[in-house]
N, C-alpha and C. Protein backbone atom coordinates (compact mmCIF):
# COMPACT_ATOMS: atom_id res chain seq x y z
N SER A 1 -109.46 119.66 22.84
CA SER A 1 -109.85 118.27 22.95
C SER A 1 -108.81 117.34 22.32
N LEU A 2 -108.05 117.85 21.36
CA LEU A 2 -107.01 117.03 20.73
C LEU A 2 -105.95 116.64 21.76
N ILE A 3 -105.53 117.57 22.57
CA ILE A 3 -104.51 117.28 23.58
C ILE A 3 -105.00 116.21 24.53
N ALA A 4 -106.22 116.34 25.00
CA ALA A 4 -106.78 115.33 25.92
C ALA A 4 -106.85 113.96 25.25
N THR A 5 -107.27 113.93 24.01
CA THR A 5 -107.37 112.66 23.28
C THR A 5 -106.00 112.01 23.13
N LEU A 6 -105.00 112.79 22.72
CA LEU A 6 -103.66 112.24 22.54
C LEU A 6 -103.07 111.76 23.87
N GLN A 7 -103.29 112.53 24.92
CA GLN A 7 -102.75 112.13 26.22
C GLN A 7 -103.44 110.88 26.76
N GLU A 8 -104.70 110.70 26.43
CA GLU A 8 -105.44 109.52 26.90
C GLU A 8 -105.06 108.26 26.11
N LEU A 9 -104.86 108.42 24.80
CA LEU A 9 -104.67 107.25 23.94
C LEU A 9 -103.22 106.97 23.53
N THR A 10 -102.33 107.89 23.82
CA THR A 10 -100.92 107.72 23.43
C THR A 10 -100.03 108.19 24.58
N PRO A 11 -98.77 107.78 24.57
CA PRO A 11 -97.84 108.25 25.61
C PRO A 11 -97.27 109.63 25.26
N VAL A 12 -98.11 110.62 25.12
CA VAL A 12 -97.71 111.97 24.74
C VAL A 12 -97.70 112.87 25.97
N ALA A 13 -96.66 113.64 26.09
CA ALA A 13 -96.59 114.66 27.14
C ALA A 13 -96.59 116.02 26.44
N VAL A 14 -97.56 116.83 26.70
CA VAL A 14 -97.65 118.14 26.07
C VAL A 14 -96.70 119.09 26.79
N VAL A 15 -95.76 119.64 26.04
CA VAL A 15 -94.78 120.53 26.65
C VAL A 15 -94.91 121.97 26.18
N GLY A 16 -95.78 122.20 25.19
CA GLY A 16 -95.96 123.57 24.73
C GLY A 16 -97.12 123.67 23.76
N VAL A 17 -97.71 124.84 23.73
CA VAL A 17 -98.81 125.12 22.81
C VAL A 17 -98.62 126.55 22.34
N ALA A 18 -98.81 126.77 21.04
CA ALA A 18 -98.68 128.12 20.49
C ALA A 18 -99.89 128.40 19.60
N ALA A 19 -100.45 129.57 19.73
CA ALA A 19 -101.65 129.91 18.96
C ALA A 19 -101.33 130.60 17.64
N ASP A 20 -100.10 131.12 17.51
CA ASP A 20 -99.76 131.81 16.27
C ASP A 20 -98.33 131.45 15.84
N GLU A 21 -98.01 131.82 14.62
CA GLU A 21 -96.72 131.46 14.05
C GLU A 21 -95.55 132.03 14.86
N GLN A 22 -95.63 133.28 15.23
CA GLN A 22 -94.53 133.92 15.97
C GLN A 22 -94.27 133.20 17.29
N ALA A 23 -95.32 132.89 18.03
CA ALA A 23 -95.15 132.19 19.31
C ALA A 23 -94.57 130.80 19.10
N ALA A 24 -95.01 130.11 18.06
CA ALA A 24 -94.48 128.78 17.76
C ALA A 24 -93.00 128.85 17.42
N LEU A 25 -92.62 129.80 16.59
CA LEU A 25 -91.22 129.94 16.20
C LEU A 25 -90.35 130.31 17.39
N GLN A 26 -90.87 131.18 18.24
CA GLN A 26 -90.12 131.57 19.44
C GLN A 26 -89.94 130.36 20.35
N TRP A 27 -90.99 129.61 20.56
CA TRP A 27 -90.92 128.43 21.42
C TRP A 27 -89.93 127.42 20.85
N LEU A 28 -90.03 127.14 19.55
CA LEU A 28 -89.17 126.13 18.93
C LEU A 28 -87.70 126.54 18.89
N SER A 29 -87.43 127.83 18.86
CA SER A 29 -86.05 128.30 18.79
C SER A 29 -85.35 128.32 20.15
N ASP A 30 -86.10 128.17 21.23
CA ASP A 30 -85.51 128.19 22.57
C ASP A 30 -84.87 126.83 22.84
N PRO A 31 -83.55 126.79 23.07
CA PRO A 31 -82.87 125.51 23.30
C PRO A 31 -83.34 124.79 24.57
N MET A 32 -83.99 125.47 25.46
CA MET A 32 -84.51 124.85 26.68
C MET A 32 -85.79 124.04 26.41
N HIS A 33 -86.41 124.31 25.28
CA HIS A 33 -87.65 123.61 24.93
C HIS A 33 -87.32 122.41 24.06
N GLU A 34 -87.67 121.25 24.54
CA GLU A 34 -87.45 120.04 23.77
C GLU A 34 -88.80 119.45 23.37
N ALA A 35 -88.89 119.08 22.11
CA ALA A 35 -90.08 118.42 21.60
C ALA A 35 -89.64 117.47 20.50
N SER A 36 -89.88 116.19 20.69
CA SER A 36 -89.50 115.24 19.65
C SER A 36 -90.57 115.16 18.56
N LEU A 37 -91.77 115.61 18.87
CA LEU A 37 -92.86 115.64 17.90
C LEU A 37 -93.54 117.00 17.96
N VAL A 38 -93.69 117.62 16.80
CA VAL A 38 -94.39 118.89 16.70
C VAL A 38 -95.58 118.68 15.76
N ILE A 39 -96.75 118.98 16.27
CA ILE A 39 -97.97 118.88 15.47
C ILE A 39 -98.39 120.31 15.11
N VAL A 40 -98.46 120.57 13.82
CA VAL A 40 -98.70 121.93 13.33
C VAL A 40 -100.04 121.98 12.62
N ASP A 41 -100.80 123.04 12.87
CA ASP A 41 -102.02 123.30 12.11
C ASP A 41 -101.67 124.35 11.06
N ILE A 42 -102.31 124.30 9.93
CA ILE A 42 -102.05 125.28 8.86
C ILE A 42 -102.58 126.66 9.25
N PHE A 43 -103.79 126.69 9.79
CA PHE A 43 -104.41 127.97 10.12
C PHE A 43 -104.18 128.30 11.58
N LEU A 44 -103.50 129.41 11.82
CA LEU A 44 -103.21 129.89 13.16
C LEU A 44 -103.85 131.26 13.34
N ARG A 45 -103.88 131.76 14.57
CA ARG A 45 -104.48 133.09 14.80
C ARG A 45 -103.83 134.15 13.93
N SER A 46 -102.52 134.09 13.82
CA SER A 46 -101.79 134.95 12.89
C SER A 46 -100.62 134.15 12.35
N GLY A 47 -100.24 134.47 11.14
CA GLY A 47 -99.20 133.68 10.49
C GLY A 47 -99.79 132.39 9.97
N SER A 48 -98.92 131.43 9.74
CA SER A 48 -99.35 130.18 9.15
C SER A 48 -98.50 129.02 9.64
N GLY A 49 -99.09 127.87 9.67
CA GLY A 49 -98.34 126.67 9.99
C GLY A 49 -97.27 126.38 8.95
N LEU A 50 -97.47 126.87 7.74
CA LEU A 50 -96.46 126.70 6.70
C LEU A 50 -95.17 127.42 7.08
N GLY A 51 -95.30 128.58 7.69
CA GLY A 51 -94.12 129.32 8.17
C GLY A 51 -93.40 128.57 9.28
N VAL A 52 -94.17 127.91 10.13
CA VAL A 52 -93.58 127.10 11.21
C VAL A 52 -92.80 125.94 10.60
N LEU A 53 -93.39 125.25 9.64
CA LEU A 53 -92.70 124.14 8.97
C LEU A 53 -91.42 124.63 8.29
N ARG A 54 -91.53 125.73 7.57
CA ARG A 54 -90.39 126.27 6.84
C ARG A 54 -89.23 126.57 7.79
N ALA A 55 -89.52 127.18 8.91
CA ALA A 55 -88.48 127.56 9.86
C ALA A 55 -87.91 126.36 10.60
N ALA A 56 -88.71 125.34 10.82
CA ALA A 56 -88.28 124.21 11.65
C ALA A 56 -87.77 123.02 10.85
N ARG A 57 -87.77 123.12 9.55
CA ARG A 57 -87.44 121.95 8.74
C ARG A 57 -86.00 121.50 8.87
N ASN A 58 -85.13 122.33 9.35
CA ASN A 58 -83.72 121.94 9.52
C ASN A 58 -83.41 121.48 10.93
N THR A 59 -84.41 120.97 11.62
CA THR A 59 -84.22 120.46 12.97
C THR A 59 -84.44 118.95 12.94
N PRO A 60 -83.40 118.19 12.64
CA PRO A 60 -83.58 116.76 12.40
C PRO A 60 -84.06 115.94 13.60
N LYS A 61 -83.87 116.43 14.81
CA LYS A 61 -84.29 115.62 15.96
C LYS A 61 -85.78 115.72 16.24
N ARG A 62 -86.48 116.54 15.49
CA ARG A 62 -87.92 116.71 15.69
C ARG A 62 -88.71 116.09 14.56
N HIS A 63 -89.75 115.37 14.92
CA HIS A 63 -90.70 114.87 13.94
C HIS A 63 -91.74 115.97 13.74
N MET A 64 -91.98 116.36 12.51
CA MET A 64 -92.95 117.41 12.20
C MET A 64 -94.11 116.79 11.43
N VAL A 65 -95.32 116.99 11.93
CA VAL A 65 -96.52 116.54 11.23
C VAL A 65 -97.53 117.67 11.21
N VAL A 66 -98.44 117.60 10.27
CA VAL A 66 -99.49 118.61 10.13
C VAL A 66 -100.82 117.94 10.40
N LEU A 67 -101.66 118.62 11.16
CA LEU A 67 -103.03 118.20 11.41
C LEU A 67 -103.92 119.37 11.04
N SER A 68 -104.74 119.21 10.01
CA SER A 68 -105.51 120.34 9.51
C SER A 68 -106.85 119.90 8.94
N ASN A 69 -107.80 120.81 8.98
CA ASN A 69 -109.08 120.60 8.31
C ASN A 69 -108.95 120.85 6.81
N TYR A 70 -107.82 121.37 6.41
CA TYR A 70 -107.62 121.78 5.02
C TYR A 70 -106.50 120.95 4.39
N ALA A 71 -106.62 119.64 4.47
CA ALA A 71 -105.59 118.72 3.99
C ALA A 71 -105.84 118.33 2.53
N THR A 72 -105.87 119.33 1.65
CA THR A 72 -106.06 119.06 0.23
C THR A 72 -104.77 118.48 -0.35
N ALA A 73 -104.84 118.02 -1.57
CA ALA A 73 -103.65 117.47 -2.23
C ALA A 73 -102.54 118.52 -2.33
N ASP A 74 -102.91 119.76 -2.65
CA ASP A 74 -101.90 120.82 -2.76
C ASP A 74 -101.26 121.13 -1.40
N ILE A 75 -102.08 121.21 -0.37
CA ILE A 75 -101.54 121.47 0.97
C ILE A 75 -100.66 120.32 1.42
N ARG A 76 -101.09 119.10 1.18
CA ARG A 76 -100.27 117.94 1.55
C ARG A 76 -98.91 118.01 0.86
N SER A 77 -98.91 118.29 -0.42
CA SER A 77 -97.67 118.37 -1.19
C SER A 77 -96.76 119.48 -0.67
N THR A 78 -97.34 120.63 -0.39
CA THR A 78 -96.56 121.76 0.12
C THR A 78 -95.97 121.43 1.49
N CYS A 79 -96.77 120.86 2.37
CA CYS A 79 -96.30 120.53 3.72
C CYS A 79 -95.17 119.49 3.67
N LEU A 80 -95.32 118.49 2.83
CA LEU A 80 -94.28 117.47 2.72
C LEU A 80 -92.99 118.09 2.15
N ALA A 81 -93.12 119.00 1.21
CA ALA A 81 -91.95 119.69 0.65
C ALA A 81 -91.26 120.55 1.69
N LEU A 82 -92.03 121.05 2.66
CA LEU A 82 -91.45 121.89 3.72
C LEU A 82 -90.92 121.08 4.91
N GLY A 83 -90.98 119.76 4.81
CA GLY A 83 -90.38 118.93 5.84
C GLY A 83 -91.32 118.16 6.73
N ALA A 84 -92.62 118.29 6.53
CA ALA A 84 -93.55 117.49 7.34
C ALA A 84 -93.40 116.02 6.95
N GLU A 85 -93.44 115.16 7.95
CA GLU A 85 -93.35 113.72 7.67
C GLU A 85 -94.70 113.17 7.21
N HIS A 86 -95.77 113.73 7.76
CA HIS A 86 -97.12 113.30 7.43
C HIS A 86 -98.05 114.50 7.51
N VAL A 87 -99.16 114.40 6.80
CA VAL A 87 -100.24 115.38 6.89
C VAL A 87 -101.51 114.60 7.19
N PHE A 88 -102.14 114.95 8.31
CA PHE A 88 -103.36 114.27 8.75
C PHE A 88 -104.54 115.22 8.65
N ASP A 89 -105.65 114.72 8.15
CA ASP A 89 -106.89 115.49 8.07
C ASP A 89 -107.61 115.36 9.41
N LYS A 90 -107.95 116.49 10.01
CA LYS A 90 -108.63 116.49 11.32
C LYS A 90 -109.94 115.72 11.29
N SER A 91 -110.65 115.79 10.19
CA SER A 91 -111.98 115.19 10.16
C SER A 91 -111.97 113.69 9.87
N THR A 92 -110.90 113.18 9.27
CA THR A 92 -110.93 111.77 8.87
C THR A 92 -109.70 110.96 9.29
N GLU A 93 -108.66 111.60 9.81
CA GLU A 93 -107.42 110.87 10.05
C GLU A 93 -106.87 111.00 11.48
N ILE A 94 -107.73 111.26 12.43
CA ILE A 94 -107.29 111.31 13.83
C ILE A 94 -106.75 109.95 14.26
N ASP A 95 -107.41 108.88 13.84
CA ASP A 95 -106.93 107.54 14.19
C ASP A 95 -105.53 107.30 13.64
N ALA A 96 -105.26 107.79 12.45
CA ALA A 96 -103.93 107.64 11.85
C ALA A 96 -102.88 108.43 12.65
N LEU A 97 -103.25 109.61 13.14
CA LEU A 97 -102.34 110.39 13.98
C LEU A 97 -102.06 109.65 15.28
N ILE A 98 -103.07 109.08 15.88
CA ILE A 98 -102.89 108.32 17.12
C ILE A 98 -101.97 107.12 16.88
N LEU A 99 -102.18 106.42 15.78
CA LEU A 99 -101.31 105.30 15.43
C LEU A 99 -99.88 105.76 15.21
N TYR A 100 -99.70 106.90 14.56
CA TYR A 100 -98.37 107.47 14.34
C TYR A 100 -97.67 107.72 15.68
N CYS A 101 -98.37 108.32 16.63
CA CYS A 101 -97.80 108.59 17.95
C CYS A 101 -97.45 107.29 18.67
N GLN A 102 -98.34 106.32 18.58
CA GLN A 102 -98.08 105.03 19.22
C GLN A 102 -96.87 104.34 18.59
N THR A 103 -96.71 104.46 17.29
CA THR A 103 -95.58 103.86 16.60
C THR A 103 -94.28 104.53 17.03
N LEU A 104 -94.28 105.84 17.13
CA LEU A 104 -93.08 106.54 17.64
C LEU A 104 -92.72 106.04 19.03
N ALA A 105 -93.71 105.89 19.87
CA ALA A 105 -93.46 105.42 21.23
C ALA A 105 -92.91 104.01 21.23
N ALA A 106 -93.41 103.16 20.34
CA ALA A 106 -92.96 101.77 20.28
C ALA A 106 -91.51 101.65 19.83
N THR A 107 -91.03 102.64 19.09
CA THR A 107 -89.64 102.62 18.64
C THR A 107 -88.70 103.23 19.66
N GLY A 108 -89.23 103.55 20.83
CA GLY A 108 -88.41 104.11 21.89
C GLY A 108 -88.30 105.62 21.85
N LYS A 109 -88.96 106.25 20.93
CA LYS A 109 -88.95 107.71 20.83
C LYS A 109 -90.24 108.22 21.40
N ARG A 110 -90.24 108.45 22.69
CA ARG A 110 -91.48 108.92 23.31
C ARG A 110 -91.85 110.29 22.76
N PRO A 111 -92.98 110.38 22.10
CA PRO A 111 -93.33 111.65 21.49
C PRO A 111 -93.68 112.72 22.52
N VAL A 112 -93.21 113.89 22.26
CA VAL A 112 -93.53 115.05 23.09
C VAL A 112 -94.13 116.08 22.15
N LEU A 113 -95.25 116.61 22.50
CA LEU A 113 -96.02 117.44 21.59
C LEU A 113 -95.85 118.93 21.88
N ALA A 114 -95.62 119.68 20.83
CA ALA A 114 -95.72 121.14 20.89
C ALA A 114 -96.56 121.54 19.70
N SER A 115 -97.72 122.11 19.96
CA SER A 115 -98.57 122.47 18.82
C SER A 115 -98.92 123.93 18.84
């Protein structure tokens, strides 16, 4: 439902989805896959969104954000240290994520989502 919401309310084109850390890392490492915005969840089927952030933090052309039900102060701090620009709580900050996507679009950087 997140993908549908973002596509309806923001100029987001979904170009990839990964259910686990390994698939996300494989997708992100493929030079044919372009994503200007990557939305990462902390809890994946296997592995962790933290591993995705850690591996992708040296990719300056990508905006990395976290969307999680577990957005505690410690998780926020860890995610920001690993290169996330923002951490959004799924239960209370969906509107902030939508605004973030709209702001990226307004600056001429059309967000493309890989989650």
